[in-house]
Each structure stands twice: as structure tokens, then as C-alpha cells.
Amino acid sequence: MSSTSEESGLSLRLLRALETLARAHAEHAKKEAERDLSRIISGAILLAIALLLAGAAFVVLQLGAVFALHEFARLAWTYAALIVAGANTSIALVVFLLGRARVARPVMTETRRTLKQAMVVLRG
């Protein structure tokens, strides 16, 4: 067998190996993207549910709390409403921060790391 034939056979095997590696990496990246998308969607759904529940429940609770503060603490309607609104804002802020923390995590970390490693190898 000639040297050229051996080199072309080796090159062909190397290209097939690279193709297999690229295909495996693409499949891994696809699975990772699906996991991250699922996490982001679930975080967004949690945020939407939190906002909906906060809106509906706090309207009713706010009215009851304003009436209670006015009756039992003998506060003016304005002060009672401001106190209740401040409490509602604090609760909404906590729920928002929890939802944002769930959505804010980096996406596709494994794929990014693998791509960086591949670029280092390719650059030599």
C-alpha cells in the first residue's frame, strides 16, 4: 500500500471521528437546551401564577385589612390604606425576587464549556 493511500485512509477515519464527535456534541447541546428551556418556562409560569394570586388575594385582603386597621387601630382611612399597601408591596417584592432568581441562572453551561474547550484545541 502506498503512503498516499494510507494518509487518505487516516484522514477519512479522522473526519468520520470528528463527525461522530460533532454529532454527539450537538445531541448533548440539544438536550441541555431543552432542560434549560423547561426551567425558564417553569420559572416564568411561577412568576405569572405569583402575580395573579397576589393580585386577586391582595385586593380582597387589602380591603379587609384597611377596614380592620380603621376599626381596631382607629387609624384614618388614608393611613390604614397606606400601611396595607406597603405590606402588599413587600410581599410582592419577595415573590418577584424568588421568580427572578429561578430565571436568572446561566443557560447551557455545559455546552458553553465544551465549545470553549473545542476552540482552545482548534487554536492550538
N, C-alpha and C. Protein backbone atom coordinates (compact mmCIF):
# COMPACT_ATOMS: atom_id res chain seq x y z
N MET A 1 0.84 -1.17 0.00
CA MET A 1 0.00 0.00 0.00
C MET A 1 0.89 1.23 0.00
N SER A 2 0.45 2.24 -0.73
CA SER A 2 1.29 3.43 -0.84
C SER A 2 1.05 4.37 0.33
N SER A 3 1.98 5.29 0.48
CA SER A 3 1.92 6.25 1.57
C SER A 3 0.71 7.18 1.41
N THR A 4 0.40 7.57 0.18
CA THR A 4 -0.73 8.47 -0.09
C THR A 4 -2.04 7.78 0.27
N SER A 5 -2.15 6.52 -0.06
CA SER A 5 -3.37 5.76 0.24
C SER A 5 -3.56 5.63 1.76
N GLU A 6 -2.48 5.39 2.49
CA GLU A 6 -2.56 5.29 3.95
C GLU A 6 -2.96 6.63 4.56
N GLU A 7 -2.40 7.72 4.03
CA GLU A 7 -2.73 9.05 4.55
C GLU A 7 -4.18 9.39 4.29
N SER A 8 -4.69 9.07 3.10
CA SER A 8 -6.09 9.38 2.81
C SER A 8 -7.02 8.52 3.67
N GLY A 9 -6.64 7.27 3.94
CA GLY A 9 -7.43 6.41 4.83
C GLY A 9 -7.45 6.96 6.25
N LEU A 10 -6.31 7.42 6.71
CA LEU A 10 -6.22 8.01 8.04
C LEU A 10 -7.03 9.30 8.11
N SER A 11 -6.94 10.11 7.07
CA SER A 11 -7.70 11.36 7.03
C SER A 11 -9.19 11.08 7.04
N LEU A 12 -9.61 10.07 6.28
CA LEU A 12 -11.03 9.72 6.23
C LEU A 12 -11.51 9.25 7.60
N ARG A 13 -10.72 8.42 8.28
CA ARG A 13 -11.10 7.96 9.61
C ARG A 13 -11.16 9.13 10.60
N LEU A 14 -10.23 10.04 10.47
CA LEU A 14 -10.21 11.21 11.34
C LEU A 14 -11.45 12.08 11.11
N LEU A 15 -11.81 12.28 9.85
CA LEU A 15 -13.01 13.07 9.54
C LEU A 15 -14.27 12.39 10.08
N ARG A 16 -14.34 11.07 9.95
CA ARG A 16 -15.50 10.34 10.49
C ARG A 16 -15.57 10.46 12.01
N ALA A 17 -14.42 10.37 12.65
CA ALA A 17 -14.39 10.52 14.11
C ALA A 17 -14.83 11.93 14.52
N LEU A 18 -14.38 12.93 13.80
CA LEU A 18 -14.80 14.31 14.10
C LEU A 18 -16.29 14.50 13.86
N GLU A 19 -16.80 13.87 12.80
CA GLU A 19 -18.23 13.96 12.52
C GLU A 19 -19.05 13.31 13.64
N THR A 20 -18.60 12.16 14.10
CA THR A 20 -19.28 11.47 15.20
C THR A 20 -19.23 12.31 16.47
N LEU A 21 -18.07 12.89 16.73
CA LEU A 21 -17.94 13.75 17.91
C LEU A 21 -18.85 14.97 17.81
N ALA A 22 -18.90 15.59 16.64
CA ALA A 22 -19.75 16.77 16.44
C ALA A 22 -21.22 16.40 16.60
N ARG A 23 -21.61 15.25 16.08
CA ARG A 23 -23.00 14.80 16.19
C ARG A 23 -23.36 14.55 17.66
N ALA A 24 -22.46 13.92 18.40
CA ALA A 24 -22.71 13.66 19.82
C ALA A 24 -22.80 14.97 20.60
N HIS A 25 -21.94 15.90 20.27
CA HIS A 25 -21.97 17.21 20.95
C HIS A 25 -23.28 17.94 20.63
N ALA A 26 -23.71 17.89 19.38
CA ALA A 26 -24.96 18.56 19.00
C ALA A 26 -26.15 17.95 19.74
N GLU A 27 -26.17 16.64 19.88
CA GLU A 27 -27.25 15.98 20.61
C GLU A 27 -27.23 16.37 22.09
N HIS A 28 -26.04 16.43 22.67
CA HIS A 28 -25.91 16.84 24.07
C HIS A 28 -26.38 18.29 24.24
N ALA A 29 -25.99 19.15 23.33
CA ALA A 29 -26.39 20.56 23.40
C ALA A 29 -27.90 20.70 23.27
N LYS A 30 -28.50 19.90 22.41
CA LYS A 30 -29.95 19.94 22.24
C LYS A 30 -30.66 19.54 23.53
N LYS A 31 -30.19 18.47 24.17
CA LYS A 31 -30.79 18.03 25.42
C LYS A 31 -30.63 19.08 26.52
N GLU A 32 -29.45 19.69 26.57
CA GLU A 32 -29.22 20.72 27.58
C GLU A 32 -30.12 21.93 27.34
N ALA A 33 -30.28 22.31 26.07
CA ALA A 33 -31.16 23.43 25.74
C ALA A 33 -32.60 23.13 26.15
N GLU A 34 -33.05 21.91 25.93
CA GLU A 34 -34.41 21.53 26.32
C GLU A 34 -34.58 21.61 27.83
N ARG A 35 -33.58 21.15 28.59
CA ARG A 35 -33.66 21.24 30.05
C ARG A 35 -33.72 22.70 30.50
N ASP A 36 -32.85 23.54 29.93
CA ASP A 36 -32.83 24.94 30.32
C ASP A 36 -34.13 25.65 29.93
N LEU A 37 -34.65 25.33 28.76
CA LEU A 37 -35.90 25.93 28.32
C LEU A 37 -37.02 25.55 29.27
N SER A 38 -37.05 24.30 29.68
CA SER A 38 -38.06 23.84 30.63
C SER A 38 -37.96 24.60 31.94
N ARG A 39 -36.74 24.81 32.42
CA ARG A 39 -36.53 25.55 33.66
C ARG A 39 -36.98 27.00 33.52
N ILE A 40 -36.67 27.62 32.40
CA ILE A 40 -37.05 29.02 32.19
C ILE A 40 -38.57 29.15 32.07
N ILE A 41 -39.19 28.23 31.35
CA ILE A 41 -40.64 28.27 31.21
C ILE A 41 -41.31 28.06 32.57
N SER A 42 -40.81 27.10 33.35
CA SER A 42 -41.42 26.87 34.66
C SER A 42 -41.23 28.08 35.57
N GLY A 43 -40.09 28.75 35.48
CA GLY A 43 -39.87 29.97 36.26
C GLY A 43 -40.83 31.08 35.85
N ALA A 44 -41.05 31.23 34.54
CA ALA A 44 -41.97 32.26 34.05
C ALA A 44 -43.40 31.94 34.47
N ILE A 45 -43.77 30.67 34.43
CA ILE A 45 -45.11 30.27 34.87
C ILE A 45 -45.28 30.56 36.36
N LEU A 46 -44.25 30.25 37.15
CA LEU A 46 -44.32 30.55 38.58
C LEU A 46 -44.47 32.05 38.83
N LEU A 47 -43.75 32.86 38.06
CA LEU A 47 -43.89 34.31 38.20
C LEU A 47 -45.31 34.76 37.86
N ALA A 48 -45.86 34.23 36.78
CA ALA A 48 -47.21 34.61 36.37
C ALA A 48 -48.24 34.19 37.42
N ILE A 49 -48.10 32.97 37.93
CA ILE A 49 -49.03 32.50 38.97
C ILE A 49 -48.91 33.37 40.22
N ALA A 50 -47.68 33.69 40.59
CA ALA A 50 -47.47 34.52 41.78
C ALA A 50 -48.13 35.89 41.60
N LEU A 51 -47.97 36.47 40.43
CA LEU A 51 -48.57 37.79 40.19
C LEU A 51 -50.09 37.72 40.18
N LEU A 52 -50.64 36.68 39.56
CA LEU A 52 -52.09 36.52 39.51
C LEU A 52 -52.67 36.32 40.91
N LEU A 53 -52.07 35.42 41.66
CA LEU A 53 -52.55 35.17 43.01
C LEU A 53 -52.37 36.39 43.91
N ALA A 54 -51.24 37.04 43.76
CA ALA A 54 -51.01 38.24 44.56
C ALA A 54 -52.04 39.31 44.24
N GLY A 55 -52.34 39.47 42.97
CA GLY A 55 -53.33 40.48 42.59
C GLY A 55 -54.71 40.19 43.13
N ALA A 56 -55.17 38.96 42.95
CA ALA A 56 -56.53 38.61 43.39
C ALA A 56 -56.66 38.58 44.91
N ALA A 57 -55.73 37.89 45.55
CA ALA A 57 -55.83 37.76 47.00
C ALA A 57 -55.59 39.07 47.72
N PHE A 58 -54.65 39.84 47.24
CA PHE A 58 -54.32 41.08 47.94
C PHE A 58 -55.39 42.15 47.80
N VAL A 59 -56.14 42.10 46.74
CA VAL A 59 -57.25 43.07 46.63
C VAL A 59 -58.25 42.81 47.74
N VAL A 60 -58.61 41.55 47.92
CA VAL A 60 -59.58 41.21 48.97
C VAL A 60 -58.97 41.45 50.35
N LEU A 61 -57.74 40.97 50.54
CA LEU A 61 -57.09 41.16 51.84
C LEU A 61 -56.85 42.63 52.15
N GLN A 62 -56.53 43.37 51.12
CA GLN A 62 -56.27 44.80 51.34
C GLN A 62 -57.51 45.50 51.86
N LEU A 63 -58.63 45.21 51.25
CA LEU A 63 -59.87 45.84 51.72
C LEU A 63 -60.18 45.44 53.17
N GLY A 64 -60.03 44.15 53.46
CA GLY A 64 -60.29 43.70 54.83
C GLY A 64 -59.31 44.30 55.83
N ALA A 65 -58.05 44.38 55.44
CA ALA A 65 -57.04 44.94 56.34
C ALA A 65 -57.26 46.43 56.57
N VAL A 66 -57.64 47.13 55.53
CA VAL A 66 -57.90 48.57 55.68
C VAL A 66 -59.06 48.78 56.65
N PHE A 67 -60.12 47.99 56.45
CA PHE A 67 -61.26 48.11 57.37
C PHE A 67 -60.85 47.75 58.80
N ALA A 68 -60.04 46.69 58.96
CA ALA A 68 -59.61 46.27 60.30
C ALA A 68 -58.75 47.34 60.97
N LEU A 69 -57.80 47.89 60.23
CA LEU A 69 -56.95 48.94 60.80
C LEU A 69 -57.78 50.18 61.17
N HIS A 70 -58.70 50.49 60.33
CA HIS A 70 -59.55 51.66 60.61
C HIS A 70 -60.39 51.42 61.87
N GLU A 71 -60.96 50.22 61.99
CA GLU A 71 -61.83 49.92 63.12
C GLU A 71 -61.05 49.72 64.42
N PHE A 72 -60.05 48.82 64.38
CA PHE A 72 -59.41 48.41 65.62
C PHE A 72 -58.27 49.32 66.04
N ALA A 73 -57.53 49.87 65.10
CA ALA A 73 -56.41 50.74 65.46
C ALA A 73 -56.83 52.21 65.45
N ARG A 74 -58.05 52.42 65.04
CA ARG A 74 -58.59 53.78 64.98
C ARG A 74 -57.74 54.70 64.11
N LEU A 75 -57.26 54.13 62.98
CA LEU A 75 -56.48 54.93 62.03
C LEU A 75 -57.42 55.55 61.00
N ALA A 76 -56.97 56.66 60.45
CA ALA A 76 -57.73 57.27 59.36
C ALA A 76 -57.67 56.32 58.16
N TRP A 77 -58.68 56.41 57.30
CA TRP A 77 -58.73 55.54 56.13
C TRP A 77 -57.44 55.64 55.30
N THR A 78 -56.92 56.82 55.14
CA THR A 78 -55.72 57.03 54.33
C THR A 78 -54.52 56.28 54.92
N TYR A 79 -54.31 56.42 56.20
CA TYR A 79 -53.18 55.75 56.84
C TYR A 79 -53.35 54.23 56.81
N ALA A 80 -54.55 53.78 57.05
CA ALA A 80 -54.81 52.34 57.00
C ALA A 80 -54.51 51.79 55.61
N ALA A 81 -54.94 52.50 54.58
CA ALA A 81 -54.69 52.06 53.20
C ALA A 81 -53.20 52.07 52.88
N LEU A 82 -52.47 53.08 53.32
CA LEU A 82 -51.03 53.15 53.06
C LEU A 82 -50.27 52.02 53.75
N ILE A 83 -50.63 51.69 54.96
CA ILE A 83 -49.97 50.60 55.68
C ILE A 83 -50.20 49.27 54.97
N VAL A 84 -51.43 49.04 54.56
CA VAL A 84 -51.75 47.78 53.88
C VAL A 84 -51.05 47.72 52.52
N ALA A 85 -51.03 48.81 51.81
CA ALA A 85 -50.34 48.83 50.51
C ALA A 85 -48.84 48.57 50.67
N GLY A 86 -48.25 49.12 51.71
CA GLY A 86 -46.82 48.87 51.96
C GLY A 86 -46.55 47.41 52.26
N ALA A 87 -47.39 46.78 53.04
CA ALA A 87 -47.23 45.35 53.33
C ALA A 87 -47.38 44.52 52.06
N ASN A 88 -48.35 44.86 51.25
CA ASN A 88 -48.55 44.13 49.99
C ASN A 88 -47.36 44.29 49.06
N THR A 89 -46.80 45.45 49.00
CA THR A 89 -45.63 45.69 48.15
C THR A 89 -44.45 44.86 48.62
N SER A 90 -44.27 44.76 49.92
CA SER A 90 -43.16 43.95 50.46
C SER A 90 -43.31 42.48 50.08
N ILE A 91 -44.51 41.96 50.20
CA ILE A 91 -44.75 40.56 49.85
C ILE A 91 -44.55 40.33 48.35
N ALA A 92 -45.06 41.22 47.54
CA ALA A 92 -44.90 41.09 46.08
C ALA A 92 -43.42 41.14 45.68
N LEU A 93 -42.64 41.96 46.35
CA LEU A 93 -41.21 42.05 46.06
C LEU A 93 -40.49 40.73 46.35
N VAL A 94 -40.83 40.10 47.46
CA VAL A 94 -40.21 38.82 47.80
C VAL A 94 -40.54 37.76 46.75
N VAL A 95 -41.80 37.68 46.34
CA VAL A 95 -42.21 36.70 45.33
C VAL A 95 -41.51 36.98 44.00
N PHE A 96 -41.42 38.23 43.62
CA PHE A 96 -40.75 38.61 42.37
C PHE A 96 -39.27 38.21 42.40
N LEU A 97 -38.60 38.48 43.51
CA LEU A 97 -37.18 38.13 43.62
C LEU A 97 -36.95 36.62 43.55
N LEU A 98 -37.85 35.84 44.13
CA LEU A 98 -37.74 34.39 44.04
C LEU A 98 -37.89 33.91 42.59
N GLY A 99 -38.85 34.44 41.87
CA GLY A 99 -39.04 34.07 40.47
C GLY A 99 -37.89 34.50 39.60
N ARG A 100 -37.39 35.70 39.82
CA ARG A 100 -36.27 36.20 39.03
C ARG A 100 -35.01 35.37 39.26
N ALA A 101 -34.79 34.94 40.50
CA ALA A 101 -33.63 34.11 40.79
C ALA A 101 -33.70 32.78 40.05
N ARG A 102 -34.90 32.26 39.89
CA ARG A 102 -35.05 30.99 39.17
C ARG A 102 -34.77 31.16 37.68
N VAL A 103 -35.14 32.27 37.12
CA VAL A 103 -34.94 32.51 35.68
C VAL A 103 -33.53 33.00 35.37
N ALA A 104 -32.85 33.61 36.32
CA ALA A 104 -31.58 34.29 36.06
C ALA A 104 -30.37 33.37 35.96
N ARG A 105 -30.48 32.10 36.33
CA ARG A 105 -29.33 31.20 36.25
C ARG A 105 -28.84 31.09 34.81
N PRO A 106 -27.54 30.90 34.62
CA PRO A 106 -26.99 30.77 33.25
C PRO A 106 -27.59 29.57 32.52
N VAL A 107 -27.69 29.70 31.20
CA VAL A 107 -28.23 28.62 30.40
C VAL A 107 -27.12 27.93 29.62
N MET A 108 -27.29 26.66 29.36
CA MET A 108 -26.40 25.84 28.55
C MET A 108 -24.94 25.93 29.01
N THR A 109 -24.70 25.80 30.28
CA THR A 109 -23.35 25.93 30.82
C THR A 109 -22.42 24.84 30.32
N GLU A 110 -22.91 23.61 30.25
CA GLU A 110 -22.06 22.51 29.78
C GLU A 110 -21.66 22.71 28.32
N THR A 111 -22.61 23.14 27.51
CA THR A 111 -22.33 23.36 26.09
C THR A 111 -21.33 24.49 25.91
N ARG A 112 -21.49 25.55 26.65
CA ARG A 112 -20.53 26.66 26.55
C ARG A 112 -19.12 26.20 26.92
N ARG A 113 -19.03 25.43 28.00
CA ARG A 113 -17.73 24.95 28.44
C ARG A 113 -17.09 24.05 27.37
N THR A 114 -17.88 23.16 26.77
CA THR A 114 -17.37 22.26 25.74
C THR A 114 -16.92 23.04 24.51
N LEU A 115 -17.70 24.05 24.13
CA LEU A 115 -17.31 24.87 22.97
C LEU A 115 -16.02 25.63 23.23
N LYS A 116 -15.87 26.15 24.44
CA LYS A 116 -14.62 26.85 24.77
C LYS A 116 -13.44 25.90 24.71
N GLN A 117 -13.61 24.69 25.22
CA GLN A 117 -12.54 23.70 25.15
C GLN A 117 -12.20 23.34 23.71
N ALA A 118 -13.22 23.20 22.88
CA ALA A 118 -13.00 22.87 21.47
C ALA A 118 -12.25 24.01 20.77
N MET A 119 -12.58 25.25 21.09
CA MET A 119 -11.90 26.39 20.46
C MET A 119 -10.43 26.43 20.89
N VAL A 120 -10.15 26.11 22.14
CA VAL A 120 -8.75 26.07 22.61
C VAL A 120 -7.99 25.01 21.85
N VAL A 121 -8.59 23.86 21.67
CA VAL A 121 -7.91 22.77 20.94
C VAL A 121 -7.69 23.15 19.48
N LEU A 122 -8.71 23.74 18.85
CA LEU A 122 -8.58 24.13 17.44
C LEU A 122 -7.53 25.22 17.22
N ARG A 123 -7.41 26.12 18.17
CA ARG A 123 -6.44 27.21 18.04
C ARG A 123 -5.01 26.71 18.27
N GLY A 124 -4.90 25.60 18.96
CA GLY A 124 -3.57 25.01 19.15
C GLY A 124 -2.91 25.45 20.34
